């Protein structure tokens, strides 16, 4: 069954910075989607949801690393290093 236009979302991923790739690959149910950063494209809603979950996971990772660094800095001050 082919998706209707309502099942698509227009997205534009931010341009690559530093070590990021210009292309983002998403695989879904045996089909691959390659999305160029900085270009508006229409993708099926499940592909959009995969990209948004990846973004949320990246933010969680960055938050975790920041908290660990803050905890380590507080511990170093407490010990007197």
PDB file of N, CA and C in Angstrom:
ATOM      1  N   UNK A   1       0.837  -1.188   0.000  1.00  0.00           N
ATOM      2  CA  UNK A   1       0.000   0.000   0.000  1.00  0.00           C
ATOM      3  C   UNK A   1       0.878   1.246   0.000  1.00  0.00           C
ATOM      4  N   UNK A   2       0.637   2.138  -0.883  1.00  0.00           N
ATOM      5  CA  UNK A   2       1.434   3.360  -0.986  1.00  0.00           C
ATOM      6  C   UNK A   2       0.893   4.423  -0.043  1.00  0.00           C
ATOM      7  N   UNK A   3       1.811   5.158   0.588  1.00  0.00           N
ATOM      8  CA  UNK A   3       1.416   6.198   1.538  1.00  0.00           C
ATOM      9  C   UNK A   3       0.822   7.391   0.802  1.00  0.00           C
ATOM     10  N   UNK A   4      -0.168   8.020   1.415  1.00  0.00           N
ATOM     11  CA  UNK A   4      -0.738   9.234   0.833  1.00  0.00           C
ATOM     12  C   UNK A   4       0.133  10.431   1.215  1.00  0.00           C
ATOM     13  N   UNK A   5      -0.131  11.576   0.608  1.00  0.00           N
ATOM     14  CA  UNK A   5       0.650  12.778   0.906  1.00  0.00           C
ATOM     15  C   UNK A   5       0.571  13.150   2.380  1.00  0.00           C
ATOM     16  N   UNK A   6      -0.528  12.800   3.051  1.00  0.00           N
ATOM     17  CA  UNK A   6      -0.669  13.112   4.470  1.00  0.00           C
ATOM     18  C   UNK A   6       0.298  12.306   5.328  1.00  0.00           C
ATOM     19  N   UNK A   7       0.856  11.237   4.776  1.00  0.00           N
ATOM     20  CA  UNK A   7       1.774  10.390   5.518  1.00  0.00           C
ATOM     21  C   UNK A   7       3.223  10.849   5.360  1.00  0.00           C
ATOM     22  N   UNK A   8       3.430  11.989   4.738  1.00  0.00           N
ATOM     23  CA  UNK A   8       4.775  12.523   4.528  1.00  0.00           C
ATOM     24  C   UNK A   8       4.966  13.807   5.319  1.00  0.00           C
ATOM     25  N   UNK A   9       6.220  14.033   5.706  1.00  0.00           N
ATOM     26  CA  UNK A   9       6.575  15.226   6.468  1.00  0.00           C
ATOM     27  C   UNK A   9       7.728  15.911   5.744  1.00  0.00           C
ATOM     28  N   UNK A  10       7.651  17.229   5.595  1.00  0.00           N
ATOM     29  CA  UNK A  10       8.749  17.988   5.003  1.00  0.00           C
ATOM     30  C   UNK A  10       9.728  18.346   6.113  1.00  0.00           C
ATOM     31  N   UNK A  11      10.987  17.990   5.904  1.00  0.00           N
ATOM     32  CA  UNK A  11      12.014  18.268   6.906  1.00  0.00           C
ATOM     33  C   UNK A  11      13.221  18.910   6.232  1.00  0.00           C
ATOM     34  N   UNK A  12      14.028  19.561   7.032  1.00  0.00           N
ATOM     35  CA  UNK A  12      15.313  20.074   6.589  1.00  0.00           C
ATOM     36  C   UNK A  12      16.269  19.890   7.758  1.00  0.00           C
ATOM     37  N   UNK A  13      17.206  18.988   7.617  1.00  0.00           N
ATOM     38  CA  UNK A  13      18.180  18.742   8.675  1.00  0.00           C
ATOM     39  C   UNK A  13      19.210  19.864   8.664  1.00  0.00           C
ATOM     40  N   UNK A  14      19.677  20.283   9.839  1.00  0.00           N
ATOM     41  CA  UNK A  14      20.685  21.345   9.893  1.00  0.00           C
ATOM     42  C   UNK A  14      21.937  20.947   9.104  1.00  0.00           C
ATOM     43  N   UNK A  15      22.579  21.936   8.527  1.00  0.00           N
ATOM     44  CA  UNK A  15      23.826  21.680   7.798  1.00  0.00           C
ATOM     45  C   UNK A  15      24.855  21.053   8.711  1.00  0.00           C
ATOM     46  N   UNK A  16      25.730  20.277   8.128  1.00  0.00           N
ATOM     47  CA  UNK A  16      26.768  19.583   8.884  1.00  0.00           C
ATOM     48  C   UNK A  16      27.761  20.572   9.474  1.00  0.00           C
ATOM     49  N   UNK A  17      28.185  20.262  10.685  1.00  0.00           N
ATOM     50  CA  UNK A  17      29.222  21.056  11.331  1.00  0.00           C
ATOM     51  C   UNK A  17      30.302  20.110  11.829  1.00  0.00           C
ATOM     52  N   UNK A  18      31.522  20.506  11.689  1.00  0.00           N
ATOM     53  CA  UNK A  18      32.626  19.700  12.207  1.00  0.00           C
ATOM     54  C   UNK A  18      32.677  18.295  11.641  1.00  0.00           C
ATOM     55  N   UNK A  19      32.477  17.303  12.504  1.00  0.00           N
ATOM     56  CA  UNK A  19      32.658  15.904  12.118  1.00  0.00           C
ATOM     57  C   UNK A  19      31.407  15.255  11.535  1.00  0.00           C
ATOM     58  N   UNK A  20      30.294  15.985  11.446  1.00  0.00           N
ATOM     59  CA  UNK A  20      29.061  15.422  10.908  1.00  0.00           C
ATOM     60  C   UNK A  20      29.172  15.210   9.398  1.00  0.00           C
ATOM     61  N   UNK A  21      28.447  14.217   8.925  1.00  0.00           N
ATOM     62  CA  UNK A  21      28.384  13.937   7.490  1.00  0.00           C
ATOM     63  C   UNK A  21      27.333  14.833   6.838  1.00  0.00           C
ATOM     64  N   UNK A  22      27.509  15.127   5.540  1.00  0.00           N
ATOM     65  CA  UNK A  22      26.524  15.914   4.799  1.00  0.00           C
ATOM     66  C   UNK A  22      25.269  15.112   4.494  1.00  0.00           C
ATOM     67  N   UNK A  23      25.391  13.788   4.483  1.00  0.00           N
ATOM     68  CA  UNK A  23      24.264  12.904   4.191  1.00  0.00           C
ATOM     69  C   UNK A  23      23.914  12.093   5.424  1.00  0.00           C
ATOM     70  N   UNK A  24      22.616  11.900   5.637  1.00  0.00           N
ATOM     71  CA  UNK A  24      22.128  11.086   6.746  1.00  0.00           C
ATOM     72  C   UNK A  24      21.343   9.931   6.141  1.00  0.00           C
ATOM     73  N   UNK A  25      21.667   8.709   6.566  1.00  0.00           N
ATOM     74  CA  UNK A  25      20.976   7.524   6.067  1.00  0.00           C
ATOM     75  C   UNK A  25      20.019   7.021   7.125  1.00  0.00           C
ATOM     76  N   UNK A  26      18.790   6.702   6.698  1.00  0.00           N
ATOM     77  CA  UNK A  26      17.793   6.079   7.576  1.00  0.00           C
ATOM     78  C   UNK A  26      17.270   4.848   6.862  1.00  0.00           C
ATOM     79  N   UNK A  27      17.291   3.710   7.545  1.00  0.00           N
ATOM     80  CA  UNK A  27      16.730   2.481   6.996  1.00  0.00           C
ATOM     81  C   UNK A  27      15.425   2.165   7.695  1.00  0.00           C
ATOM     82  N   UNK A  28      14.421   1.766   6.919  1.00  0.00           N
ATOM     83  CA  UNK A  28      13.120   1.427   7.475  1.00  0.00           C
ATOM     84  C   UNK A  28      12.487   0.319   6.644  1.00  0.00           C
ATOM     85  N   UNK A  29      12.235  -0.810   7.280  1.00  0.00           N
ATOM     86  CA  UNK A  29      11.561  -1.938   6.627  1.00  0.00           C
ATOM     87  C   UNK A  29      12.218  -2.329   5.302  1.00  0.00           C
ATOM     88  N   UNK A  30      13.537  -2.393   5.297  1.00  0.00           N
ATOM     89  CA  UNK A  30      14.266  -2.826   4.112  1.00  0.00           C
ATOM     90  C   UNK A  30      14.462  -1.759   3.054  1.00  0.00           C
ATOM     91  N   UNK A  31      14.010  -0.565   3.303  1.00  0.00           N
ATOM     92  CA  UNK A  31      14.171   0.527   2.341  1.00  0.00           C
ATOM     93  C   UNK A  31      15.079   1.584   2.960  1.00  0.00           C
ATOM     94  N   UNK A  32      15.968   2.157   2.166  1.00  0.00           N
ATOM     95  CA  UNK A  32      16.898   3.161   2.658  1.00  0.00           C
ATOM     96  C   UNK A  32      16.550   4.548   2.155  1.00  0.00           C
ATOM     97  N   UNK A  33      16.767   5.523   3.018  1.00  0.00           N
ATOM     98  CA  UNK A  33      16.533   6.924   2.684  1.00  0.00           C
ATOM     99  C   UNK A  33      17.812   7.687   2.989  1.00  0.00           C
ATOM    100  N   UNK A  34      18.347   8.379   2.001  1.00  0.00           N
ATOM    101  CA  UNK A  34      19.526   9.221   2.205  1.00  0.00           C
ATOM    102  C   UNK A  34      19.069  10.664   2.112  1.00  0.00           C
ATOM    103  N   UNK A  35      19.324  11.406   3.184  1.00  0.00           N
ATOM    104  CA  UNK A  35      18.834  12.777   3.291  1.00  0.00           C
ATOM    105  C   UNK A  35      20.035  13.716   3.349  1.00  0.00           C
ATOM    106  N   UNK A  36      20.059  14.681   2.455  1.00  0.00           N
ATOM    107  CA  UNK A  36      21.142  15.677   2.435  1.00  0.00           C
ATOM    108  C   UNK A  36      20.805  16.790   3.420  1.00  0.00           C
ATOM    109  N   UNK A  37      21.769  17.109   4.252  1.00  0.00           N
ATOM    110  CA  UNK A  37      21.578  18.178   5.229  1.00  0.00           C
ATOM    111  C   UNK A  37      21.430  19.525   4.526  1.00  0.00           C
ATOM    112  N   UNK A  38      20.559  20.384   5.063  1.00  0.00           N
ATOM    113  CA  UNK A  38      20.370  21.723   4.529  1.00  0.00           C
ATOM    114  C   UNK A  38      19.420  21.804   3.355  1.00  0.00           C
ATOM    115  N   UNK A  39      18.794  20.677   2.978  1.00  0.00           N
ATOM    116  CA  UNK A  39      17.872  20.653   1.843  1.00  0.00           C
ATOM    117  C   UNK A  39      16.508  20.183   2.347  1.00  0.00           C
ATOM    118  N   UNK A  40      15.447  20.891   1.989  1.00  0.00           N
ATOM    119  CA  UNK A  40      14.097  20.469   2.376  1.00  0.00           C
ATOM    120  C   UNK A  40      13.682  19.270   1.537  1.00  0.00           C
ATOM    121  N   UNK A  41      13.233  18.226   2.220  1.00  0.00           N
ATOM    122  CA  UNK A  41      12.775  17.011   1.536  1.00  0.00           C
ATOM    123  C   UNK A  41      11.530  16.485   2.237  1.00  0.00           C
ATOM    124  N   UNK A  42      10.760  15.715   1.497  1.00  0.00           N
ATOM    125  CA  UNK A  42       9.612  15.037   2.090  1.00  0.00           C
ATOM    126  C   UNK A  42      10.008  13.598   2.373  1.00  0.00           C
ATOM    127  N   UNK A  43       9.705  13.153   3.595  1.00  0.00           N
ATOM    128  CA  UNK A  43       9.991  11.776   3.990  1.00  0.00           C
ATOM    129  C   UNK A  43       8.738  11.178   4.609  1.00  0.00           C
ATOM    130  N   UNK A  44       8.611   9.864   4.552  1.00  0.00           N
ATOM    131  CA  UNK A  44       7.481   9.231   5.238  1.00  0.00           C
ATOM    132  C   UNK A  44       7.535   9.543   6.738  1.00  0.00           C
ATOM    133  N   UNK A  45       6.388   9.672   7.360  1.00  0.00           N
ATOM    134  CA  UNK A  45       6.318  10.022   8.778  1.00  0.00           C
ATOM    135  C   UNK A  45       7.176   9.100   9.651  1.00  0.00           C
ATOM    136  N   UNK A  46       7.204   7.773   9.426  1.00  0.00           N
ATOM    137  CA  UNK A  46       8.060   6.931  10.269  1.00  0.00           C
ATOM    138  C   UNK A  46       9.554   7.281  10.163  1.00  0.00           C
ATOM    139  N   UNK A  47      10.007   7.726   8.999  1.00  0.00           N
ATOM    140  CA  UNK A  47      11.401   8.153   8.837  1.00  0.00           C
ATOM    141  C   UNK A  47      11.629   9.416   9.663  1.00  0.00           C
ATOM    142  N   UNK A  48      10.696  10.339   9.609  1.00  0.00           N
ATOM    143  CA  UNK A  48      10.767  11.556  10.428  1.00  0.00           C
ATOM    144  C   UNK A  48      10.851  11.178  11.903  1.00  0.00           C
ATOM    145  N   UNK A  49      10.021  10.248  12.345  1.00  0.00           N
ATOM    146  CA  UNK A  49      10.013   9.841  13.749  1.00  0.00           C
ATOM    147  C   UNK A  49      11.345   9.204  14.153  1.00  0.00           C
ATOM    148  N   UNK A  50      11.945   8.427  13.268  1.00  0.00           N
ATOM    149  CA  UNK A  50      13.265   7.846  13.546  1.00  0.00           C
ATOM    150  C   UNK A  50      14.295   8.953  13.731  1.00  0.00           C
ATOM    151  N   UNK A  51      14.272   9.946  12.853  1.00  0.00           N
ATOM    152  CA  UNK A  51      15.219  11.060  12.952  1.00  0.00           C
ATOM    153  C   UNK A  51      15.021  11.859  14.241  1.00  0.00           C
ATOM    154  N   UNK A  52      13.766  12.087  14.631  1.00  0.00           N
ATOM    155  CA  UNK A  52      13.494  12.837  15.859  1.00  0.00           C
ATOM    156  C   UNK A  52      13.936  12.045  17.088  1.00  0.00           C
ATOM    157  N   UNK A  53      13.739  10.735  17.082  1.00  0.00           N
ATOM    158  CA  UNK A  53      14.191   9.913  18.216  1.00  0.00           C
ATOM    159  C   UNK A  53      15.717   9.916  18.301  1.00  0.00           C
ATOM    160  N   UNK A  54      16.384   9.870  17.155  1.00  0.00           N
ATOM    161  CA  UNK A  54      17.850   9.935  17.149  1.00  0.00           C
ATOM    162  C   UNK A  54      18.318  11.267  17.732  1.00  0.00           C
ATOM    163  N   UNK A  55      17.618  12.339  17.403  1.00  0.00           N
ATOM    164  CA  UNK A  55      17.965  13.659  17.938  1.00  0.00           C
ATOM    165  C   UNK A  55      17.760  13.690  19.456  1.00  0.00           C
ATOM    166  N   UNK A  56      16.657  13.106  19.933  1.00  0.00           N
ATOM    167  CA  UNK A  56      16.407  13.065  21.378  1.00  0.00           C
ATOM    168  C   UNK A  56      17.484  12.245  22.094  1.00  0.00           C
ATOM    169  N   UNK A  57      17.883  11.135  21.498  1.00  0.00           N
ATOM    170  CA  UNK A  57      18.924  10.300  22.096  1.00  0.00           C
ATOM    171  C   UNK A  57      20.255  11.050  22.160  1.00  0.00           C
ATOM    172  N   UNK A  58      20.570  11.779  21.114  1.00  0.00           N
ATOM    173  CA  UNK A  58      21.814  12.570  21.090  1.00  0.00           C
ATOM    174  C   UNK A  58      21.793  13.618  22.204  1.00  0.00           C
ATOM    175  N   UNK A  59      20.642  14.268  22.392  1.00  0.00           N
ATOM    176  CA  UNK A  59      20.519  15.268  23.450  1.00  0.00           C
ATOM    177  C   UNK A  59      20.669  14.616  24.823  1.00  0.00           C
ATOM    178  N   UNK A  60      20.070  13.441  25.007  1.00  0.00           N
ATOM    179  CA  UNK A  60      20.219  12.724  26.282  1.00  0.00           C
ATOM    180  C   UNK A  60      21.677  12.384  26.548  1.00  0.00           C
ATOM    181  N   UNK A  61      22.384  11.960  25.502  1.00  0.00           N
ATOM    182  CA  UNK A  61      23.801  11.624  25.649  1.00  0.00           C
ATOM    183  C   UNK A  61      24.604  12.854  26.062  1.00  0.00           C
ATOM    184  N   UNK A  62      24.363  13.971  25.397  1.00  0.00           N
ATOM    185  CA  UNK A  62      25.081  15.206  25.732  1.00  0.00           C
ATOM    186  C   UNK A  62      24.774  15.656  27.156  1.00  0.00           C
ATOM    187  N   UNK A  63      23.507  15.537  27.577  1.00  0.00           N
ATOM    188  CA  UNK A  63      23.130  15.901  28.942  1.00  0.00           C
ATOM    189  C   UNK A  63      23.834  15.003  29.956  1.00  0.00           C
ATOM    190  N   UNK A  64      23.890  13.708  29.670  1.00  0.00           N
ATOM    191  CA  UNK A  64      24.549  12.751  30.566  1.00  0.00           C
ATOM    192  C   UNK A  64      26.039  13.080  30.710  1.00  0.00           C
ATOM    193  N   UNK A  65      26.694  13.335  29.590  1.00  0.00           N
ATOM    194  CA  UNK A  65      28.122  13.662  29.617  1.00  0.00           C
ATOM    195  C   UNK A  65      28.357  14.941  30.411  1.00  0.00           C
ATOM    196  N   UNK A  66      27.517  15.951  30.194  1.00  0.00           N
ATOM    197  CA  UNK A  66      27.652  17.204  30.928  1.00  0.00           C
ATOM    198  C   UNK A  66      27.493  16.976  32.428  1.00  0.00           C
ATOM    199  N   UNK A  67      26.485  16.193  32.827  1.00  0.00           N
ATOM    200  CA  UNK A  67      26.280  15.908  34.257  1.00  0.00           C
ATOM    201  C   UNK A  67      27.471  15.169  34.850  1.00  0.00           C
ATOM    202  N   UNK A  68      28.016  14.209  34.115  1.00  0.00           N
ATOM    203  CA  UNK A  68      29.171  13.460  34.605  1.00  0.00           C
ATOM    204  C   UNK A  68      30.383  14.375  34.777  1.00  0.00           C
ATOM    205  N   UNK A  69      30.572  15.281  33.827  1.00  0.00           N
ATOM    206  CA  UNK A  69      31.690  16.230  33.932  1.00  0.00           C
ATOM    207  C   UNK A  69      31.500  17.166  35.125  1.00  0.00           C
ATOM    208  N   UNK A  70      30.274  17.630  35.343  1.00  0.00           N
ATOM    209  CA  UNK A  70      29.994  18.493  36.491  1.00  0.00           C
ATOM    210  C   UNK A  70      30.228  17.745  37.798  1.00  0.00           C
ATOM    211  N   UNK A  71      29.786  16.490  37.872  1.00  0.00           N
ATOM    212  CA  UNK A  71      29.996  15.684  39.073  1.00  0.00           C
ATOM    213  C   UNK A  71      31.478  15.456  39.332  1.00  0.00           C
ATOM    214  N   UNK A  72      32.227  15.187  38.271  1.00  0.00           N
ATOM    215  CA  UNK A  72      33.668  14.968  38.422  1.00  0.00           C
ATOM    216  C   UNK A  72      34.353  16.246  38.898  1.00  0.00           C
ATOM    217  N   UNK A  73      33.922  17.391  38.379  1.00  0.00           N
ATOM    218  CA  UNK A  73      34.518  18.668  38.791  1.00  0.00           C
ATOM    219  C   UNK A  73      34.196  18.951  40.258  1.00  0.00           C
ATOM    220  N   UNK A  74      32.966  18.670  40.673  1.00  0.00           N
ATOM    221  CA  UNK A  74      32.599  18.869  42.080  1.00  0.00           C
ATOM    222  C   UNK A  74      33.395  17.926  42.982  1.00  0.00           C
ATOM    223  N   UNK A  75      33.578  16.694  42.570  1.00  0.00           N
ATOM    224  CA  UNK A  75      34.333  15.721  43.369  1.00  0.00           C
ATOM    225  C   UNK A  75      35.788  16.153  43.499  1.00  0.00           C
ATOM    226  N   UNK A  76      36.350  16.682  42.432  1.00  0.00           N
ATOM    227  CA  UNK A  76      37.755  17.118  42.454  1.00  0.00           C
ATOM    228  C   UNK A  76      37.916  18.284  43.430  1.00  0.00           C
ATOM    229  N   UNK A  77      36.947  19.195  43.474  1.00  0.00           N
ATOM    230  CA  UNK A  77      37.020  20.330  44.381  1.00  0.00           C
ATOM    231  C   UNK A  77      36.861  19.854  45.812  1.00  0.00           C
ATOM    232  N   UNK A  78      35.967  18.911  46.053  1.00  0.00           N
ATOM    233  CA  UNK A  78      35.729  18.390  47.395  1.00  0.00           C
ATOM    234  C   UNK A  78      36.957  17.711  47.947  1.00  0.00           C
ATOM    235  N   UNK A  79      37.668  16.966  47.102  1.00  0.00           N
ATOM    236  CA  UNK A  79      38.859  16.243  47.526  1.00  0.00           C
ATOM    237  C   UNK A  79      40.034  17.202  47.642  1.00  0.00           C
ATOM    238  N   UNK A  80      39.961  18.330  46.969  1.00  0.00           N
ATOM    239  CA  UNK A  80      41.021  19.320  47.049  1.00  0.00           C
ATOM    240  C   UNK A  80      42.067  19.175  45.970  1.00  0.00           C
ATOM    241  N   UNK A  81      41.661  18.611  44.851  1.00  0.00           N
ATOM    242  CA  UNK A  81      42.593  18.458  43.730  1.00  0.00           C
ATOM    243  C   UNK A  81      42.719  19.740  42.945  1.00  0.00           C
TER     244      UNK A  81
END
